[in-house]
Amino acid sequence: MPRPGSHKYDTERARTRKRLENEGVASDKAADERAKEELRERGMRPAKATERAEGPKGER
Protein backbone atom coordinates (compact mmCIF):
# COMPACT_ATOMS: atom_id res chain seq x y z
CA MET A 1 0.00 0.00 0.00
CA PRO A 2 1.27 3.50 -0.71
CA ARG A 3 2.45 5.61 2.19
CA PRO A 4 0.86 8.96 3.11
CA GLY A 5 2.63 11.77 1.29
CA SER A 6 3.55 9.65 -1.73
CA HIS A 7 2.19 10.46 -5.18
CA LYS A 8 0.22 7.22 -5.36
CA TYR A 9 -1.40 7.91 -1.96
CA ASP A 10 -2.35 11.45 -3.03
CA THR A 11 -3.86 10.12 -6.26
CA GLU A 12 -5.89 7.50 -4.42
CA ARG A 13 -7.06 10.08 -1.86
CA ALA A 14 -8.16 12.44 -4.66
CA ARG A 15 -10.12 9.65 -6.39
CA THR A 16 -11.80 8.67 -3.14
CA ARG A 17 -12.60 12.31 -2.33
CA LYS A 18 -14.10 12.87 -5.80
CA ARG A 19 -16.23 9.72 -5.46
CA LEU A 20 -17.56 10.89 -2.09
CA GLU A 21 -18.38 14.33 -3.52
CA ASN A 22 -20.17 12.84 -6.54
CA GLU A 23 -22.20 10.49 -4.34
CA GLY A 24 -23.26 13.47 -2.24
CA VAL A 25 -21.99 11.78 0.92
CA ALA A 26 -19.90 14.77 2.01
CA SER A 27 -19.16 18.39 1.12
CA ASP A 28 -15.81 19.39 -0.35
CA LYS A 29 -13.95 19.85 2.94
CA ALA A 30 -15.65 16.92 4.68
CA ALA A 31 -14.97 14.68 1.68
CA ASP A 32 -11.23 15.19 2.07
CA GLU A 33 -11.35 14.14 5.73
CA ARG A 34 -13.55 11.13 4.95
CA ALA A 35 -11.20 10.09 2.13
CA LYS A 36 -8.24 10.16 4.54
CA GLU A 37 -10.21 8.06 7.03
CA GLU A 38 -11.19 5.52 4.35
CA LEU A 39 -7.59 5.10 3.21
CA ARG A 40 -6.44 4.67 6.82
CA GLU A 41 -9.10 1.98 7.32
CA ARG A 42 -7.97 0.19 4.14
CA GLY A 43 -4.49 -0.11 5.55
CA MET A 44 -2.66 2.70 3.79
CA ARG A 45 -0.33 3.50 6.68
CA PRO A 46 3.34 4.40 6.76
CA ALA A 47 5.68 1.47 6.27
CA LYS A 48 7.70 0.29 9.23
CA ALA A 49 11.46 0.64 9.17
CA THR A 50 13.32 -2.46 8.05
CA GLU A 51 16.85 -3.68 8.66
CA ARG A 52 17.79 -2.26 5.29
CA ALA A 53 17.03 1.24 6.57
CA GLU A 54 19.70 0.87 9.26
CA GLY A 55 22.58 1.17 6.78
CA PRO A 56 25.65 -1.01 6.22
CA LYS A 57 26.52 -3.50 8.95
CA GLY A 58 29.76 -1.67 9.75
CA GLU A 59 27.80 1.46 10.81
CA ARG A 60 25.42 -0.30 13.24
PDB file of N, CA and C in Angstrom:
ATOM      1  N   MET A   1       0.833  -1.166   0.000  1.00  0.00           N
ATOM      2  CA  MET A   1       0.000   0.000   0.000  1.00  0.00           C
ATOM      3  C   MET A   1       0.893   1.249   0.000  1.00  0.00           C
ATOM      4  N   PRO A   2       0.464   2.273  -0.709  1.00  0.00           N
ATOM      5  CA  PRO A   2       1.267   3.501  -0.709  1.00  0.00           C
ATOM      6  C   PRO A   2       1.256   4.194   0.647  1.00  0.00           C
ATOM      7  N   ARG A   3       2.327   4.909   0.917  1.00  0.00           N
ATOM      8  CA  ARG A   3       2.451   5.615   2.194  1.00  0.00           C
ATOM      9  C   ARG A   3       1.896   7.026   2.059  1.00  0.00           C
ATOM     10  N   PRO A   4       1.334   7.570   3.142  1.00  0.00           N
ATOM     11  CA  PRO A   4       0.863   8.959   3.106  1.00  0.00           C
ATOM     12  C   PRO A   4       1.980   9.900   2.683  1.00  0.00           C
ATOM     13  N   GLY A   5       1.649  10.824   1.808  1.00  0.00           N
ATOM     14  CA  GLY A   5       2.633  11.766   1.292  1.00  0.00           C
ATOM     15  C   GLY A   5       3.194  11.362  -0.055  1.00  0.00           C
ATOM     16  N   SER A   6       3.039  10.094  -0.429  1.00  0.00           N
ATOM     17  CA  SER A   6       3.546   9.651  -1.729  1.00  0.00           C
ATOM     18  C   SER A   6       2.559  10.057  -2.827  1.00  0.00           C
ATOM     19  N   HIS A   7       3.034  10.080  -4.043  1.00  0.00           N
ATOM     20  CA  HIS A   7       2.193  10.460  -5.182  1.00  0.00           C
ATOM     21  C   HIS A   7       1.014   9.500  -5.334  1.00  0.00           C
ATOM     22  N   LYS A   8       1.276   8.224  -5.194  1.00  0.00           N
ATOM     23  CA  LYS A   8       0.221   7.221  -5.356  1.00  0.00           C
ATOM     24  C   LYS A   8      -0.857   7.386  -4.279  1.00  0.00           C
ATOM     25  N   TYR A   9      -0.439   7.679  -3.055  1.00  0.00           N
ATOM     26  CA  TYR A   9      -1.404   7.908  -1.962  1.00  0.00           C
ATOM     27  C   TYR A   9      -2.255   9.133  -2.267  1.00  0.00           C
ATOM     28  N   ASP A  10      -1.615  10.225  -2.715  1.00  0.00           N
ATOM     29  CA  ASP A  10      -2.348  11.451  -3.028  1.00  0.00           C
ATOM     30  C   ASP A  10      -3.346  11.223  -4.155  1.00  0.00           C
ATOM     31  N   THR A  11      -2.956  10.440  -5.150  1.00  0.00           N
ATOM     32  CA  THR A  11      -3.856  10.124  -6.260  1.00  0.00           C
ATOM     33  C   THR A  11      -5.054   9.320  -5.777  1.00  0.00           C
ATOM     34  N   GLU A  12      -4.804   8.331  -4.954  1.00  0.00           N
ATOM     35  CA  GLU A  12      -5.886   7.501  -4.418  1.00  0.00           C
ATOM     36  C   GLU A  12      -6.815   8.327  -3.523  1.00  0.00           C
ATOM     37  N   ARG A  13      -6.241   9.224  -2.719  1.00  0.00           N
ATOM     38  CA  ARG A  13      -7.060  10.080  -1.863  1.00  0.00           C
ATOM     39  C   ARG A  13      -7.939  11.008  -2.703  1.00  0.00           C
ATOM     40  N   ALA A  14      -7.390  11.549  -3.788  1.00  0.00           N
ATOM     41  CA  ALA A  14      -8.160  12.436  -4.660  1.00  0.00           C
ATOM     42  C   ALA A  14      -9.314  11.677  -5.325  1.00  0.00           C
ATOM     43  N   ARG A  15      -9.051  10.458  -5.770  1.00  0.00           N
ATOM     44  CA  ARG A  15     -10.118   9.651  -6.389  1.00  0.00           C
ATOM     45  C   ARG A  15     -11.224   9.333  -5.395  1.00  0.00           C
ATOM     46  N   THR A  16     -10.822   8.981  -4.179  1.00  0.00           N
ATOM     47  CA  THR A  16     -11.805   8.670  -3.135  1.00  0.00           C
ATOM     48  C   THR A  16     -12.603   9.916  -2.770  1.00  0.00           C
ATOM     49  N   ARG A  17     -11.922  11.052  -2.648  1.00  0.00           N
ATOM     50  CA  ARG A  17     -12.596  12.314  -2.325  1.00  0.00           C
ATOM     51  C   ARG A  17     -13.606  12.682  -3.413  1.00  0.00           C
ATOM     52  N   LYS A  18     -13.218  12.548  -4.678  1.00  0.00           N
ATOM     53  CA  LYS A  18     -14.104  12.873  -5.797  1.00  0.00           C
ATOM     54  C   LYS A  18     -15.330  11.955  -5.806  1.00  0.00           C
ATOM     55  N   ARG A  19     -15.106  10.669  -5.511  1.00  0.00           N
ATOM     56  CA  ARG A  19     -16.228   9.721  -5.461  1.00  0.00           C
ATOM     57  C   ARG A  19     -17.212  10.111  -4.368  1.00  0.00           C
ATOM     58  N   LEU A  20     -16.695  10.485  -3.199  1.00  0.00           N
ATOM     59  CA  LEU A  20     -17.561  10.891  -2.094  1.00  0.00           C
ATOM     60  C   LEU A  20     -18.346  12.158  -2.438  1.00  0.00           C
ATOM     61  N   GLU A  21     -17.699  13.110  -3.113  1.00  0.00           N
ATOM     62  CA  GLU A  21     -18.377  14.334  -3.520  1.00  0.00           C
ATOM     63  C   GLU A  21     -19.486  14.025  -4.523  1.00  0.00           C
ATOM     64  N   ASN A  22     -19.194  13.174  -5.500  1.00  0.00           N
ATOM     65  CA  ASN A  22     -20.175  12.841  -6.535  1.00  0.00           C
ATOM     66  C   ASN A  22     -21.362  12.065  -5.982  1.00  0.00           C
ATOM     67  N   GLU A  23     -21.121  11.246  -4.963  1.00  0.00           N
ATOM     68  CA  GLU A  23     -22.203  10.492  -4.340  1.00  0.00           C
ATOM     69  C   GLU A  23     -23.035  11.364  -3.414  1.00  0.00           C
ATOM     70  N   GLY A  24     -22.547  12.563  -3.123  1.00  0.00           N
ATOM     71  CA  GLY A  24     -23.263  13.466  -2.239  1.00  0.00           C
ATOM     72  C   GLY A  24     -23.149  13.081  -0.775  1.00  0.00           C
ATOM     73  N   VAL A  25     -22.185  12.251  -0.462  1.00  0.00           N
ATOM     74  CA  VAL A  25     -21.987  11.784   0.918  1.00  0.00           C
ATOM     75  C   VAL A  25     -21.434  12.906   1.784  1.00  0.00           C
ATOM     76  N   ALA A  26     -20.550  13.736   1.219  1.00  0.00           N
ATOM     77  CA  ALA A  26     -19.904  14.769   2.010  1.00  0.00           C
ATOM     78  C   ALA A  26     -19.632  16.000   1.152  1.00  0.00           C
ATOM     79  N   SER A  27     -19.518  17.154   1.811  1.00  0.00           N
ATOM     80  CA  SER A  27     -19.162  18.389   1.118  1.00  0.00           C
ATOM     81  C   SER A  27     -17.682  18.342   0.753  1.00  0.00           C
ATOM     82  N   ASP A  28     -17.195  19.373   0.099  1.00  0.00           N
ATOM     83  CA  ASP A  28     -15.806  19.389  -0.353  1.00  0.00           C
ATOM     84  C   ASP A  28     -14.815  19.159   0.784  1.00  0.00           C
ATOM     85  N   LYS A  29     -14.915  19.958   1.832  1.00  0.00           N
ATOM     86  CA  LYS A  29     -13.950  19.847   2.937  1.00  0.00           C
ATOM     87  C   LYS A  29     -14.136  18.539   3.702  1.00  0.00           C
ATOM     88  N   ALA A  30     -15.378  18.160   3.948  1.00  0.00           N
ATOM     89  CA  ALA A  30     -15.649  16.922   4.681  1.00  0.00           C
ATOM     90  C   ALA A  30     -15.236  15.697   3.859  1.00  0.00           C
ATOM     91  N   ALA A  31     -15.339  15.800   2.542  1.00  0.00           N
ATOM     92  CA  ALA A  31     -14.973  14.678   1.682  1.00  0.00           C
ATOM     93  C   ALA A  31     -13.481  14.371   1.798  1.00  0.00           C
ATOM     94  N   ASP A  32     -12.663  15.401   1.936  1.00  0.00           N
ATOM     95  CA  ASP A  32     -11.228  15.186   2.069  1.00  0.00           C
ATOM     96  C   ASP A  32     -10.917  14.431   3.357  1.00  0.00           C
ATOM     97  N   GLU A  33     -11.553  14.826   4.449  1.00  0.00           N
ATOM     98  CA  GLU A  33     -11.346  14.139   5.730  1.00  0.00           C
ATOM     99  C   GLU A  33     -11.848  12.695   5.677  1.00  0.00           C
ATOM    100  N   ARG A  34     -13.002  12.487   5.062  1.00  0.00           N
ATOM    101  CA  ARG A  34     -13.546  11.127   4.954  1.00  0.00           C
ATOM    102  C   ARG A  34     -12.670  10.261   4.070  1.00  0.00           C
ATOM    103  N   ALA A  35     -12.098  10.849   3.008  1.00  0.00           N
ATOM    104  CA  ALA A  35     -11.199  10.092   2.131  1.00  0.00           C
ATOM    105  C   ALA A  35      -9.969   9.638   2.898  1.00  0.00           C
ATOM    106  N   LYS A  36      -9.402  10.522   3.727  1.00  0.00           N
ATOM    107  CA  LYS A  36      -8.240  10.159   4.539  1.00  0.00           C
ATOM    108  C   LYS A  36      -8.594   9.022   5.486  1.00  0.00           C
ATOM    109  N   GLU A  37      -9.769   9.106   6.100  1.00  0.00           N
ATOM    110  CA  GLU A  37     -10.205   8.057   7.026  1.00  0.00           C
ATOM    111  C   GLU A  37     -10.376   6.720   6.312  1.00  0.00           C
ATOM    112  N   GLU A  38     -10.990   6.758   5.119  1.00  0.00           N
ATOM    113  CA  GLU A  38     -11.191   5.520   4.352  1.00  0.00           C
ATOM    114  C   GLU A  38      -9.857   4.869   4.010  1.00  0.00           C
ATOM    115  N   LEU A  39      -8.894   5.660   3.577  1.00  0.00           N
ATOM    116  CA  LEU A  39      -7.588   5.105   3.214  1.00  0.00           C
ATOM    117  C   LEU A  39      -6.883   4.536   4.431  1.00  0.00           C
ATOM    118  N   ARG A  40      -7.031   5.189   5.576  1.00  0.00           N
ATOM    119  CA  ARG A  40      -6.444   4.673   6.815  1.00  0.00           C
ATOM    120  C   ARG A  40      -7.069   3.335   7.177  1.00  0.00           C
ATOM    121  N   GLU A  41      -8.395   3.232   6.998  1.00  0.00           N
ATOM    122  CA  GLU A  41      -9.096   1.983   7.317  1.00  0.00           C
ATOM    123  C   GLU A  41      -8.684   0.856   6.381  1.00  0.00           C
ATOM    124  N   ARG A  42      -8.377   1.199   5.124  1.00  0.00           N
ATOM    125  CA  ARG A  42      -7.972   0.189   4.143  1.00  0.00           C
ATOM    126  C   ARG A  42      -6.549  -0.284   4.352  1.00  0.00           C
ATOM    127  N   GLY A  43      -5.844   0.347   5.266  1.00  0.00           N
ATOM    128  CA  GLY A  43      -4.492  -0.111   5.552  1.00  0.00           C
ATOM    129  C   GLY A  43      -3.406   0.695   4.900  1.00  0.00           C
ATOM    130  N   MET A  44      -3.690   1.859   4.407  1.00  0.00           N
ATOM    131  CA  MET A  44      -2.660   2.698   3.795  1.00  0.00           C
ATOM    132  C   MET A  44      -1.990   3.505   4.897  1.00  0.00           C
ATOM    133  N   ARG A  45      -1.053   2.874   5.578  1.00  0.00           N
ATOM    134  CA  ARG A  45      -0.327   3.498   6.683  1.00  0.00           C
ATOM    135  C   ARG A  45       1.150   3.538   6.334  1.00  0.00           C
ATOM    136  N   PRO A  46       1.902   4.355   7.031  1.00  0.00           N
ATOM    137  CA  PRO A  46       3.343   4.403   6.758  1.00  0.00           C
ATOM    138  C   PRO A  46       4.003   3.042   6.982  1.00  0.00           C
ATOM    139  N   ALA A  47       4.957   2.738   6.146  1.00  0.00           N
ATOM    140  CA  ALA A  47       5.678   1.471   6.268  1.00  0.00           C
ATOM    141  C   ALA A  47       6.605   1.513   7.474  1.00  0.00           C
ATOM    142  N   LYS A  48       6.785   0.376   8.097  1.00  0.00           N
ATOM    143  CA  LYS A  48       7.696   0.291   9.232  1.00  0.00           C
ATOM    144  C   LYS A  48       9.128   0.214   8.727  1.00  0.00           C
ATOM    145  N   ALA A  49      10.046   0.679   9.533  1.00  0.00           N
ATOM    146  CA  ALA A  49      11.464   0.636   9.171  1.00  0.00           C
ATOM    147  C   ALA A  49      11.927  -0.815   9.125  1.00  0.00           C
ATOM    148  N   THR A  50      12.776  -1.112   8.186  1.00  0.00           N
ATOM    149  CA  THR A  50      13.325  -2.455   8.046  1.00  0.00           C
ATOM    150  C   THR A  50      14.804  -2.430   8.372  1.00  0.00           C
ATOM    151  N   GLU A  51      15.421  -3.604   8.412  1.00  0.00           N
ATOM    152  CA  GLU A  51      16.854  -3.684   8.662  1.00  0.00           C
ATOM    153  C   GLU A  51      17.623  -2.930   7.590  1.00  0.00           C
ATOM    154  N   ARG A  52      17.107  -2.928   6.387  1.00  0.00           N
ATOM    155  CA  ARG A  52      17.786  -2.265   5.288  1.00  0.00           C
ATOM    156  C   ARG A  52      17.936  -0.760   5.562  1.00  0.00           C
ATOM    157  N   ALA A  53      16.989  -0.191   6.275  1.00  0.00           N
ATOM    158  CA  ALA A  53      17.031   1.245   6.568  1.00  0.00           C
ATOM    159  C   ALA A  53      18.109   1.597   7.587  1.00  0.00           C
ATOM    160  N   GLU A  54      18.683   0.609   8.243  1.00  0.00           N
ATOM    161  CA  GLU A  54      19.699   0.871   9.258  1.00  0.00           C
ATOM    162  C   GLU A  54      21.065   1.178   8.669  1.00  0.00           C
ATOM    163  N   GLY A  55      21.295   0.886   7.424  1.00  0.00           N
ATOM    164  CA  GLY A  55      22.576   1.167   6.783  1.00  0.00           C
ATOM    165  C   GLY A  55      23.477  -0.053   6.777  1.00  0.00           C
ATOM    166  N   PRO A  56      24.696   0.118   6.289  1.00  0.00           N
ATOM    167  CA  PRO A  56      25.650  -1.008   6.219  1.00  0.00           C
ATOM    168  C   PRO A  56      25.942  -1.566   7.607  1.00  0.00           C
ATOM    169  N   LYS A  57      26.276  -2.837   7.665  1.00  0.00           N
ATOM    170  CA  LYS A  57      26.523  -3.504   8.945  1.00  0.00           C
ATOM    171  C   LYS A  57      27.654  -2.843   9.724  1.00  0.00           C
ATOM    172  N   GLY A  58      28.635  -2.293   9.065  1.00  0.00           N
ATOM    173  CA  GLY A  58      29.757  -1.666   9.753  1.00  0.00           C
ATOM    174  C   GLY A  58      29.361  -0.405  10.513  1.00  0.00           C
ATOM    175  N   GLU A  59      28.221   0.209  10.174  1.00  0.00           N
ATOM    176  CA  GLU A  59      27.800   1.460  10.807  1.00  0.00           C
ATOM    177  C   GLU A  59      26.807   1.218  11.937  1.00  0.00           C
ATOM    178  N   ARG A  60      26.427  -0.026  12.205  1.00  0.00           N
ATOM    179  CA  ARG A  60      25.422  -0.297  13.240  1.00  0.00           C
ATOM    180  C   ARG A  60      25.979  -0.211  14.614  1.00  0.00           C
TER     181      ARG A  60
END
